[in-house]
Amino acid sequence: MRRQWNYMNLRSNKVDKRYLDATEKEALNATNVEARQEQSEKRTRARSGAIAYQRNRRPNTTSQRAGTGGQSLGRGAQAARGREKSAELARAKALRPEDPA
């Protein structure tokens, strides 16, 4: 019995040459069918492996959307912190009692 490849509903059956006559076999050999069938089988195995890997891999636990990571605010944030600090110092100076001298 010829082996049938069935990887998670991805099928790639080979041609059974036992029932072909000589001219049909010659036509198959001329069109290089066996090599294409082997490549097709390899592609089928690769696809099924990729599907199985995706199905069994650990799911992401953090969301990956635009703006959720990467570069921080950088100079803009640093400048804002500086402005906040200077405003805080100005408020603190304004609340000090005036020097009588």
PDB file of N, CA and C in Angstrom:
ATOM      1  N   MET A   1       0.839  -1.187   0.000  1.00  0.00           N
ATOM      2  CA  MET A   1       0.000   0.000   0.000  1.00  0.00           C
ATOM      3  C   MET A   1       0.881   1.246   0.000  1.00  0.00           C
ATOM      4  N   ARG A   2       0.505   2.197  -0.806  1.00  0.00           N
ATOM      5  CA  ARG A   2       1.268   3.434  -0.927  1.00  0.00           C
ATOM      6  C   ARG A   2       0.986   4.328   0.278  1.00  0.00           C
ATOM      7  N   ARG A   3       2.025   4.975   0.769  1.00  0.00           N
ATOM      8  CA  ARG A   3       1.885   5.836   1.936  1.00  0.00           C
ATOM      9  C   ARG A   3       1.184   7.135   1.562  1.00  0.00           C
ATOM     10  N   GLN A   4       0.190   7.479   2.298  1.00  0.00           N
ATOM     11  CA  GLN A   4      -0.542   8.728   2.062  1.00  0.00           C
ATOM     12  C   GLN A   4      -0.139   9.712   3.143  1.00  0.00           C
ATOM     13  N   TRP A   5       0.263  10.908   2.714  1.00  0.00           N
ATOM     14  CA  TRP A   5       0.679  11.937   3.660  1.00  0.00           C
ATOM     15  C   TRP A   5      -0.531  12.760   4.038  1.00  0.00           C
ATOM     16  N   ASN A   6      -0.823  12.775   5.291  1.00  0.00           N
ATOM     17  CA  ASN A   6      -1.941  13.564   5.784  1.00  0.00           C
ATOM     18  C   ASN A   6      -1.483  14.269   7.056  1.00  0.00           C
ATOM     19  N   TYR A   7      -1.126  15.504   6.921  1.00  0.00           N
ATOM     20  CA  TYR A   7      -0.681  16.306   8.058  1.00  0.00           C
ATOM     21  C   TYR A   7      -1.738  17.357   8.336  1.00  0.00           C
ATOM     22  N   MET A   8      -2.582  17.083   9.304  1.00  0.00           N
ATOM     23  CA  MET A   8      -3.606  18.048   9.715  1.00  0.00           C
ATOM     24  C   MET A   8      -4.365  18.604   8.521  1.00  0.00           C
ATOM     25  N   ASN A   9      -4.924  17.729   7.726  1.00  0.00           N
ATOM     26  CA  ASN A   9      -5.750  18.080   6.568  1.00  0.00           C
ATOM     27  C   ASN A   9      -4.982  18.722   5.422  1.00  0.00           C
ATOM     28  N   LEU A  10      -3.666  18.651   5.431  1.00  0.00           N
ATOM     29  CA  LEU A  10      -2.876  19.093   4.280  1.00  0.00           C
ATOM     30  C   LEU A  10      -2.428  17.824   3.567  1.00  0.00           C
ATOM     31  N   ARG A  11      -2.978  17.578   2.397  1.00  0.00           N
ATOM     32  CA  ARG A  11      -2.721  16.307   1.737  1.00  0.00           C
ATOM     33  C   ARG A  11      -1.867  16.490   0.496  1.00  0.00           C
ATOM     34  N   SER A  12      -1.010  15.524   0.284  1.00  0.00           N
ATOM     35  CA  SER A  12      -0.162  15.516  -0.890  1.00  0.00           C
ATOM     36  C   SER A  12       0.055  14.062  -1.297  1.00  0.00           C
ATOM     37  N   ASN A  13      -0.803  13.536  -2.157  1.00  0.00           N
ATOM     38  CA  ASN A  13      -0.720  12.139  -2.567  1.00  0.00           C
ATOM     39  C   ASN A  13       0.198  11.995  -3.769  1.00  0.00           C
ATOM     40  N   LYS A  14       0.959  10.913  -3.769  1.00  0.00           N
ATOM     41  CA  LYS A  14       1.838  10.633  -4.896  1.00  0.00           C
ATOM     42  C   LYS A  14       1.076   9.823  -5.950  1.00  0.00           C
ATOM     43  N   VAL A  15       1.574   9.868  -7.187  1.00  0.00           N
ATOM     44  CA  VAL A  15       0.968   9.099  -8.267  1.00  0.00           C
ATOM     45  C   VAL A  15       1.462   7.659  -8.160  1.00  0.00           C
ATOM     46  N   ASP A  16       0.530   6.714  -8.199  1.00  0.00           N
ATOM     47  CA  ASP A  16       0.878   5.297  -8.143  1.00  0.00           C
ATOM     48  C   ASP A  16       1.158   4.831  -9.570  1.00  0.00           C
ATOM     49  N   LYS A  17       2.437   4.564  -9.854  1.00  0.00           N
ATOM     50  CA  LYS A  17       2.837   4.219 -11.224  1.00  0.00           C
ATOM     51  C   LYS A  17       2.568   2.763 -11.575  1.00  0.00           C
ATOM     52  N   ARG A  18       2.155   1.953 -10.601  1.00  0.00           N
ATOM     53  CA  ARG A  18       1.954   0.531 -10.898  1.00  0.00           C
ATOM     54  C   ARG A  18       0.859   0.311 -11.919  1.00  0.00           C
ATOM     55  N   TYR A  19      -0.106   1.203 -11.974  1.00  0.00           N
ATOM     56  CA  TYR A  19      -1.253   1.003 -12.856  1.00  0.00           C
ATOM     57  C   TYR A  19      -1.147   1.801 -14.146  1.00  0.00           C
ATOM     58  N   LEU A  20      -0.003   2.441 -14.378  1.00  0.00           N
ATOM     59  CA  LEU A  20       0.178   3.230 -15.606  1.00  0.00           C
ATOM     60  C   LEU A  20       0.871   2.389 -16.657  1.00  0.00           C
ATOM     61  N   ASP A  21       0.541   2.657 -17.919  1.00  0.00           N
ATOM     62  CA  ASP A  21       1.259   1.968 -18.990  1.00  0.00           C
ATOM     63  C   ASP A  21       2.553   2.721 -19.293  1.00  0.00           C
ATOM     64  N   ALA A  22       3.350   2.191 -20.180  1.00  0.00           N
ATOM     65  CA  ALA A  22       4.690   2.716 -20.442  1.00  0.00           C
ATOM     66  C   ALA A  22       4.659   4.162 -20.942  1.00  0.00           C
ATOM     67  N   THR A  23       3.686   4.496 -21.801  1.00  0.00           N
ATOM     68  CA  THR A  23       3.653   5.862 -22.338  1.00  0.00           C
ATOM     69  C   THR A  23       3.298   6.872 -21.243  1.00  0.00           C
ATOM     70  N   GLU A  24       2.402   6.487 -20.352  1.00  0.00           N
ATOM     71  CA  GLU A  24       2.042   7.386 -19.254  1.00  0.00           C
ATOM     72  C   GLU A  24       3.212   7.577 -18.288  1.00  0.00           C
ATOM     73  N   LYS A  25       3.936   6.480 -18.021  1.00  0.00           N
ATOM     74  CA  LYS A  25       5.117   6.591 -17.157  1.00  0.00           C
ATOM     75  C   LYS A  25       6.158   7.494 -17.793  1.00  0.00           C
ATOM     76  N   GLU A  26       6.334   7.351 -19.086  1.00  0.00           N
ATOM     77  CA  GLU A  26       7.310   8.184 -19.810  1.00  0.00           C
ATOM     78  C   GLU A  26       6.902   9.652 -19.751  1.00  0.00           C
ATOM     79  N   ALA A  27       5.612   9.901 -19.903  1.00  0.00           N
ATOM     80  CA  ALA A  27       5.136  11.288 -19.825  1.00  0.00           C
ATOM     81  C   ALA A  27       5.367  11.860 -18.427  1.00  0.00           C
ATOM     82  N   LEU A  28       5.147  11.040 -17.401  1.00  0.00           N
ATOM     83  CA  LEU A  28       5.389  11.500 -16.035  1.00  0.00           C
ATOM     84  C   LEU A  28       6.867  11.815 -15.814  1.00  0.00           C
ATOM     85  N   ASN A  29       7.730  10.949 -16.323  1.00  0.00           N
ATOM     86  CA  ASN A  29       9.167  11.185 -16.157  1.00  0.00           C
ATOM     87  C   ASN A  29       9.618  12.411 -16.929  1.00  0.00           C
ATOM     88  N   ALA A  30       9.034  12.644 -18.090  1.00  0.00           N
ATOM     89  CA  ALA A  30       9.427  13.787 -18.913  1.00  0.00           C
ATOM     90  C   ALA A  30       9.040  15.110 -18.255  1.00  0.00           C
ATOM     91  N   THR A  31       7.933  15.106 -17.515  1.00  0.00           N
ATOM     92  CA  THR A  31       7.484  16.352 -16.881  1.00  0.00           C
ATOM     93  C   THR A  31       8.060  16.522 -15.480  1.00  0.00           C
ATOM     94  N   ASN A  32       8.930  15.586 -15.065  1.00  0.00           N
ATOM     95  CA  ASN A  32       9.615  15.686 -13.786  1.00  0.00           C
ATOM     96  C   ASN A  32       8.623  15.750 -12.619  1.00  0.00           C
ATOM     97  N   VAL A  33       7.614  14.905 -12.696  1.00  0.00           N
ATOM     98  CA  VAL A  33       6.541  14.916 -11.714  1.00  0.00           C
ATOM     99  C   VAL A  33       7.041  14.478 -10.332  1.00  0.00           C
ATOM    100  N   GLU A  34       7.916  13.482 -10.306  1.00  0.00           N
ATOM    101  CA  GLU A  34       8.358  12.967  -9.007  1.00  0.00           C
ATOM    102  C   GLU A  34       9.088  14.028  -8.207  1.00  0.00           C
ATOM    103  N   ALA A  35       9.941  14.796  -8.870  1.00  0.00           N
ATOM    104  CA  ALA A  35      10.672  15.847  -8.154  1.00  0.00           C
ATOM    105  C   ALA A  35       9.698  16.896  -7.621  1.00  0.00           C
ATOM    106  N   ARG A  36       8.720  17.251  -8.448  1.00  0.00           N
ATOM    107  CA  ARG A  36       7.728  18.238  -7.995  1.00  0.00           C
ATOM    108  C   ARG A  36       6.884  17.680  -6.855  1.00  0.00           C
ATOM    109  N   GLN A  37       6.594  16.369  -6.923  1.00  0.00           N
ATOM    110  CA  GLN A  37       5.822  15.767  -5.839  1.00  0.00           C
ATOM    111  C   GLN A  37       6.624  15.746  -4.545  1.00  0.00           C
ATOM    112  N   GLU A  38       7.926  15.476  -4.644  1.00  0.00           N
ATOM    113  CA  GLU A  38       8.757  15.503  -3.445  1.00  0.00           C
ATOM    114  C   GLU A  38       8.818  16.898  -2.861  1.00  0.00           C
ATOM    115  N   GLN A  39       8.964  17.892  -3.720  1.00  0.00           N
ATOM    116  CA  GLN A  39       8.975  19.278  -3.229  1.00  0.00           C
ATOM    117  C   GLN A  39       7.638  19.621  -2.581  1.00  0.00           C
ATOM    118  N   SER A  40       6.572  19.158  -3.206  1.00  0.00           N
ATOM    119  CA  SER A  40       5.249  19.409  -2.652  1.00  0.00           C
ATOM    120  C   SER A  40       5.096  18.733  -1.287  1.00  0.00           C
ATOM    121  N   GLU A  41       5.613  17.521  -1.176  1.00  0.00           N
ATOM    122  CA  GLU A  41       5.553  16.812   0.109  1.00  0.00           C
ATOM    123  C   GLU A  41       6.344  17.569   1.164  1.00  0.00           C
ATOM    124  N   LYS A  42       7.512  18.071   0.798  1.00  0.00           N
ATOM    125  CA  LYS A  42       8.326  18.829   1.753  1.00  0.00           C
ATOM    126  C   LYS A  42       7.624  20.119   2.174  1.00  0.00           C
ATOM    127  N   ARG A  43       7.003  20.780   1.205  1.00  0.00           N
ATOM    128  CA  ARG A  43       6.247  21.996   1.540  1.00  0.00           C
ATOM    129  C   ARG A  43       5.096  21.675   2.483  1.00  0.00           C
ATOM    130  N   THR A  44       4.423  20.539   2.213  1.00  0.00           N
ATOM    131  CA  THR A  44       3.301  20.134   3.062  1.00  0.00           C
ATOM    132  C   THR A  44       3.783  19.867   4.477  1.00  0.00           C
ATOM    133  N   ARG A  45       4.901  19.162   4.617  1.00  0.00           N
ATOM    134  CA  ARG A  45       5.445  18.897   5.942  1.00  0.00           C
ATOM    135  C   ARG A  45       5.850  20.191   6.634  1.00  0.00           C
ATOM    136  N   ALA A  46       6.461  21.115   5.885  1.00  0.00           N
ATOM    137  CA  ALA A  46       6.878  22.387   6.476  1.00  0.00           C
ATOM    138  C   ALA A  46       5.676  23.196   6.935  1.00  0.00           C
ATOM    139  N   ARG A  47       4.644  23.245   6.104  1.00  0.00           N
ATOM    140  CA  ARG A  47       3.428  23.981   6.492  1.00  0.00           C
ATOM    141  C   ARG A  47       2.783  23.368   7.719  1.00  0.00           C
ATOM    142  N   SER A  48       2.689  22.043   7.745  1.00  0.00           N
ATOM    143  CA  SER A  48       2.060  21.402   8.900  1.00  0.00           C
ATOM    144  C   SER A  48       2.893  21.620  10.152  1.00  0.00           C
ATOM    145  N   GLY A  49       4.226  21.626  10.000  1.00  0.00           N
ATOM    146  CA  GLY A  49       5.085  21.907  11.145  1.00  0.00           C
ATOM    147  C   GLY A  49       4.898  23.322  11.648  1.00  0.00           C
ATOM    148  N   ALA A  50       4.764  24.271  10.727  1.00  0.00           N
ATOM    149  CA  ALA A  50       4.553  25.663  11.119  1.00  0.00           C
ATOM    150  C   ALA A  50       3.208  25.835  11.819  1.00  0.00           C
ATOM    151  N   ILE A  51       2.195  25.146  11.304  1.00  0.00           N
ATOM    152  CA  ILE A  51       0.870  25.214  11.930  1.00  0.00           C
ATOM    153  C   ILE A  51       0.928  24.632  13.339  1.00  0.00           C
ATOM    154  N   ALA A  52       1.599  23.479  13.484  1.00  0.00           N
ATOM    155  CA  ALA A  52       1.703  22.846  14.801  1.00  0.00           C
ATOM    156  C   ALA A  52       2.487  23.733  15.755  1.00  0.00           C
ATOM    157  N   TYR A  53       3.539  24.374  15.261  1.00  0.00           N
ATOM    158  CA  TYR A  53       4.336  25.262  16.117  1.00  0.00           C
ATOM    159  C   TYR A  53       3.495  26.437  16.595  1.00  0.00           C
ATOM    160  N   GLN A  54       2.766  27.059  15.678  1.00  0.00           N
ATOM    161  CA  GLN A  54       1.929  28.202  16.061  1.00  0.00           C
ATOM    162  C   GLN A  54       0.842  27.775  17.036  1.00  0.00           C
ATOM    163  N   ARG A  55       0.314  26.577  16.842  1.00  0.00           N
ATOM    164  CA  ARG A  55      -0.750  26.095  17.713  1.00  0.00           C
ATOM    165  C   ARG A  55      -0.231  25.818  19.119  1.00  0.00           C
ATOM    166  N   ASN A  56       1.014  25.348  19.238  1.00  0.00           N
ATOM    167  CA  ASN A  56       1.540  24.905  20.530  1.00  0.00           C
ATOM    168  C   ASN A  56       2.465  25.901  21.206  1.00  0.00           C
ATOM    169  N   ARG A  57       2.765  27.022  20.559  1.00  0.00           N
ATOM    170  CA  ARG A  57       3.707  27.945  21.178  1.00  0.00           C
ATOM    171  C   ARG A  57       3.047  28.708  22.316  1.00  0.00           C
ATOM    172  N   ARG A  58       3.895  29.242  23.194  1.00  0.00           N
ATOM    173  CA  ARG A  58       3.385  29.992  24.332  1.00  0.00           C
ATOM    174  C   ARG A  58       2.795  31.313  23.836  1.00  0.00           C
ATOM    175  N   PRO A  59       1.579  31.629  24.244  1.00  0.00           N
ATOM    176  CA  PRO A  59       0.969  32.880  23.775  1.00  0.00           C
ATOM    177  C   PRO A  59       1.647  34.091  24.413  1.00  0.00           C
ATOM    178  N   ASN A  60       1.587  35.213  23.729  1.00  0.00           N
ATOM    179  CA  ASN A  60       2.143  36.445  24.263  1.00  0.00           C
ATOM    180  C   ASN A  60       1.324  36.879  25.472  1.00  0.00           C
ATOM    181  N   THR A  61       2.014  37.348  26.495  1.00  0.00           N
ATOM    182  CA  THR A  61       1.318  37.789  27.693  1.00  0.00           C
ATOM    183  C   THR A  61       1.230  39.307  27.770  1.00  0.00           C
ATOM    184  N   THR A  62       1.962  39.998  26.925  1.00  0.00           N
ATOM    185  CA  THR A  62       1.871  41.454  26.886  1.00  0.00           C
ATOM    186  C   THR A  62       1.406  41.857  25.504  1.00  0.00           C
ATOM    187  N   SER A  63       0.650  42.929  25.447  1.00  0.00           N
ATOM    188  CA  SER A  63       0.148  43.365  24.153  1.00  0.00           C
ATOM    189  C   SER A  63       1.264  44.082  23.390  1.00  0.00           C
ATOM    190  N   GLN A  64       1.249  43.937  22.106  1.00  0.00           N
ATOM    191  CA  GLN A  64       2.235  44.593  21.262  1.00  0.00           C
ATOM    192  C   GLN A  64       1.491  45.451  20.261  1.00  0.00           C
ATOM    193  N   ARG A  65       1.266  46.682  20.653  1.00  0.00           N
ATOM    194  CA  ARG A  65       0.609  47.636  19.777  1.00  0.00           C
ATOM    195  C   ARG A  65       1.506  48.842  19.620  1.00  0.00           C
ATOM    196  N   ALA A  66       1.254  49.615  18.633  1.00  0.00           N
ATOM    197  CA  ALA A  66       2.062  50.802  18.404  1.00  0.00           C
ATOM    198  C   ALA A  66       1.942  51.738  19.597  1.00  0.00           C
ATOM    199  N   GLY A  67       3.063  52.242  20.058  1.00  0.00           N
ATOM    200  CA  GLY A  67       3.062  53.204  21.143  1.00  0.00           C
ATOM    201  C   GLY A  67       3.125  52.585  22.520  1.00  0.00           C
ATOM    202  N   THR A  68       3.283  51.253  22.621  1.00  0.00           N
ATOM    203  CA  THR A  68       3.325  50.635  23.945  1.00  0.00           C
ATOM    204  C   THR A  68       4.745  50.362  24.405  1.00  0.00           C
ATOM    205  N   GLY A  69       5.717  50.643  23.602  1.00  0.00           N
ATOM    206  CA  GLY A  69       7.092  50.362  24.011  1.00  0.00           C
ATOM    207  C   GLY A  69       8.056  51.118  23.121  1.00  0.00           C
ATOM    208  N   GLY A  70       9.297  50.735  23.198  1.00  0.00           N
ATOM    209  CA  GLY A  70      10.289  51.371  22.337  1.00  0.00           C
ATOM    210  C   GLY A  70      10.850  52.630  22.951  1.00  0.00           C
ATOM    211  N   GLN A  71      11.066  53.642  22.130  1.00  0.00           N
ATOM    212  CA  GLN A  71      11.682  54.882  22.582  1.00  0.00           C
ATOM    213  C   GLN A  71      10.782  55.610  23.565  1.00  0.00           C
ATOM    214  N   SER A  72      11.417  56.208  24.585  1.00  0.00           N
ATOM    215  CA  SER A  72      10.650  57.008  25.536  1.00  0.00           C
ATOM    216  C   SER A  72      10.539  58.430  24.987  1.00  0.00           C
ATOM    217  N   LEU A  73      10.000  59.302  25.789  1.00  0.00           N
ATOM    218  CA  LEU A  73       9.786  60.676  25.340  1.00  0.00           C
ATOM    219  C   LEU A  73      11.105  61.430  25.145  1.00  0.00           C
ATOM    220  N   GLY A  74      12.144  61.013  25.841  1.00  0.00           N
ATOM    221  CA  GLY A  74      13.468  61.572  25.611  1.00  0.00           C
ATOM    222  C   GLY A  74      13.603  63.004  26.070  1.00  0.00           C
ATOM    223  N   ARG A  75      14.112  63.853  25.177  1.00  0.00           N
ATOM    224  CA  ARG A  75      14.405  65.249  25.523  1.00  0.00           C
ATOM    225  C   ARG A  75      13.156  66.018  25.932  1.00  0.00           C
ATOM    226  N   GLY A  76      12.040  65.745  25.322  1.00  0.00           N
ATOM    227  CA  GLY A  76      10.796  66.433  25.666  1.00  0.00           C
ATOM    228  C   GLY A  76      10.410  66.190  27.115  1.00  0.00           C
ATOM    229  N   ALA A  77      10.530  64.929  27.548  1.00  0.00           N
ATOM    230  CA  ALA A  77      10.201  64.599  28.938  1.00  0.00           C
ATOM    231  C   ALA A  77      11.196  65.236  29.889  1.00  0.00           C
ATOM    232  N   GLN A  78      12.453  65.241  29.490  1.00  0.00           N
ATOM    233  CA  GLN A  78      13.494  65.841  30.333  1.00  0.00           C
ATOM    234  C   GLN A  78      13.241  67.341  30.476  1.00  0.00           C
ATOM    235  N   ALA A  79      12.890  68.012  29.396  1.00  0.00           N
ATOM    236  CA  ALA A  79      12.606  69.450  29.447  1.00  0.00           C
ATOM    237  C   ALA A  79      11.379  69.727  30.308  1.00  0.00           C
ATOM    238  N   ALA A  80      10.358  68.877  30.203  1.00  0.00           N
ATOM    239  CA  ALA A  80       9.152  69.062  31.014  1.00  0.00           C
ATOM    240  C   ALA A  80       9.463  68.911  32.493  1.00  0.00           C
ATOM    241  N   ARG A  81      10.311  67.922  32.841  1.00  0.00           N
ATOM    242  CA  ARG A  81      10.713  67.757  34.238  1.00  0.00           C
ATOM    243  C   ARG A  81      11.457  68.989  34.728  1.00  0.00           C
ATOM    244  N   GLY A  82      12.317  69.530  33.894  1.00  0.00           N
ATOM    245  CA  GLY A  82      13.052  70.746  34.270  1.00  0.00           C
ATOM    246  C   GLY A  82      12.118  71.920  34.510  1.00  0.00           C
ATOM    247  N   ARG A  83      11.122  72.095  33.640  1.00  0.00           N
ATOM    248  CA  ARG A  83      10.153  73.185  33.811  1.00  0.00           C
ATOM    249  C   ARG A  83       9.347  73.006  35.098  1.00  0.00           C
ATOM    250  N   GLU A  84       8.926  71.746  35.367  1.00  0.00           N
ATOM    251  CA  GLU A  84       8.188  71.479  36.606  1.00  0.00           C
ATOM    252  C   GLU A  84       9.035  71.789  37.829  1.00  0.00           C
ATOM    253  N   LYS A  85      10.302  71.410  37.792  1.00  0.00           N
ATOM    254  CA  LYS A  85      11.198  71.654  38.929  1.00  0.00           C
ATOM    255  C   LYS A  85      11.399  73.145  39.154  1.00  0.00           C
ATOM    256  N   SER A  86      11.598  73.901  38.070  1.00  0.00           N
ATOM    257  CA  SER A  86      11.800  75.343  38.222  1.00  0.00           C
ATOM    258  C   SER A  86      10.520  76.027  38.705  1.00  0.00           C
ATOM    259  N   ALA A  87       9.356  75.562  38.252  1.00  0.00           N
ATOM    260  CA  ALA A  87       8.095  76.126  38.728  1.00  0.00           C
ATOM    261  C   ALA A  87       7.902  75.825  40.214  1.00  0.00           C
ATOM    262  N   GLU A  88       8.297  74.630  40.637  1.00  0.00           N
ATOM    263  CA  GLU A  88       8.203  74.259  42.048  1.00  0.00           C
ATOM    264  C   GLU A  88       9.113  75.137  42.898  1.00  0.00           C
ATOM    265  N   LEU A  89      10.318  75.391  42.401  1.00  0.00           N
ATOM    266  CA  LEU A  89      11.246  76.273  43.138  1.00  0.00           C
ATOM    267  C   LEU A  89      10.702  77.694  43.204  1.00  0.00           C
ATOM    268  N   ALA A  90      10.104  78.160  42.127  1.00  0.00           N
ATOM    269  CA  ALA A  90       9.543  79.518  42.122  1.00  0.00           C
ATOM    270  C   ALA A  90       8.404  79.624  43.126  1.00  0.00           C
ATOM    271  N   ARG A  91       7.548  78.592  43.199  1.00  0.00           N
ATOM    272  CA  ARG A  91       6.465  78.602  44.191  1.00  0.00           C
ATOM    273  C   ARG A  91       7.022  78.599  45.609  1.00  0.00           C
ATOM    274  N   ALA A  92       8.068  77.796  45.817  1.00  0.00           N
ATOM    275  CA  ALA A  92       8.673  77.728  47.147  1.00  0.00           C
ATOM    276  C   ALA A  92       9.258  79.087  47.533  1.00  0.00           C
ATOM    277  N   LYS A  93       9.887  79.787  46.580  1.00  0.00           N
ATOM    278  CA  LYS A  93      10.446  81.117  46.864  1.00  0.00           C
ATOM    279  C   LYS A  93       9.327  82.105  47.179  1.00  0.00           C
ATOM    280  N   ALA A  94       8.220  82.004  46.489  1.00  0.00           N
ATOM    281  CA  ALA A  94       7.119  82.936  46.677  1.00  0.00           C
ATOM    282  C   ALA A  94       6.487  82.740  48.066  1.00  0.00           C
ATOM    283  N   LEU A  95       6.542  81.540  48.591  1.00  0.00           N
ATOM    284  CA  LEU A  95       5.927  81.284  49.889  1.00  0.00           C
ATOM    285  C   LEU A  95       6.837  81.618  51.061  1.00  0.00           C
ATOM    286  N   ARG A  96       8.082  81.944  50.817  1.00  0.00           N
ATOM    287  CA  ARG A  96       9.019  82.273  51.902  1.00  0.00           C
ATOM    288  C   ARG A  96       8.655  83.616  52.502  1.00  0.00           C
ATOM    289  N   PRO A  97       8.884  83.763  53.787  1.00  0.00           N
ATOM    290  CA  PRO A  97       8.625  85.075  54.376  1.00  0.00           C
ATOM    291  C   PRO A  97       9.675  86.075  53.874  1.00  0.00           C
ATOM    292  N   GLU A  98       9.251  87.307  53.723  1.00  0.00           N
ATOM    293  CA  GLU A  98      10.171  88.323  53.217  1.00  0.00           C
ATOM    294  C   GLU A  98      11.153  88.697  54.318  1.00  0.00           C
ATOM    295  N   ASP A  99      12.355  89.019  53.880  1.00  0.00           N
ATOM    296  CA  ASP A  99      13.426  89.368  54.809  1.00  0.00           C
ATOM    297  C   ASP A  99      13.218  90.820  55.284  1.00  0.00           C
ATOM    298  N   PRO A 100      13.087  91.092  56.610  1.00  0.00           N
ATOM    299  CA  PRO A 100      12.829  92.451  57.061  1.00  0.00           C
ATOM    300  C   PRO A 100      14.038  93.371  56.895  1.00  0.00           C
ATOM    301  N   ALA A 101      15.191  92.844  56.752  1.00  0.00           N
ATOM    302  CA  ALA A 101      16.375  93.705  56.689  1.00  0.00           C
ATOM    303  C   ALA A 101      16.596  94.370  55.383  1.00  0.00           C
TER     304      ALA A 101
END
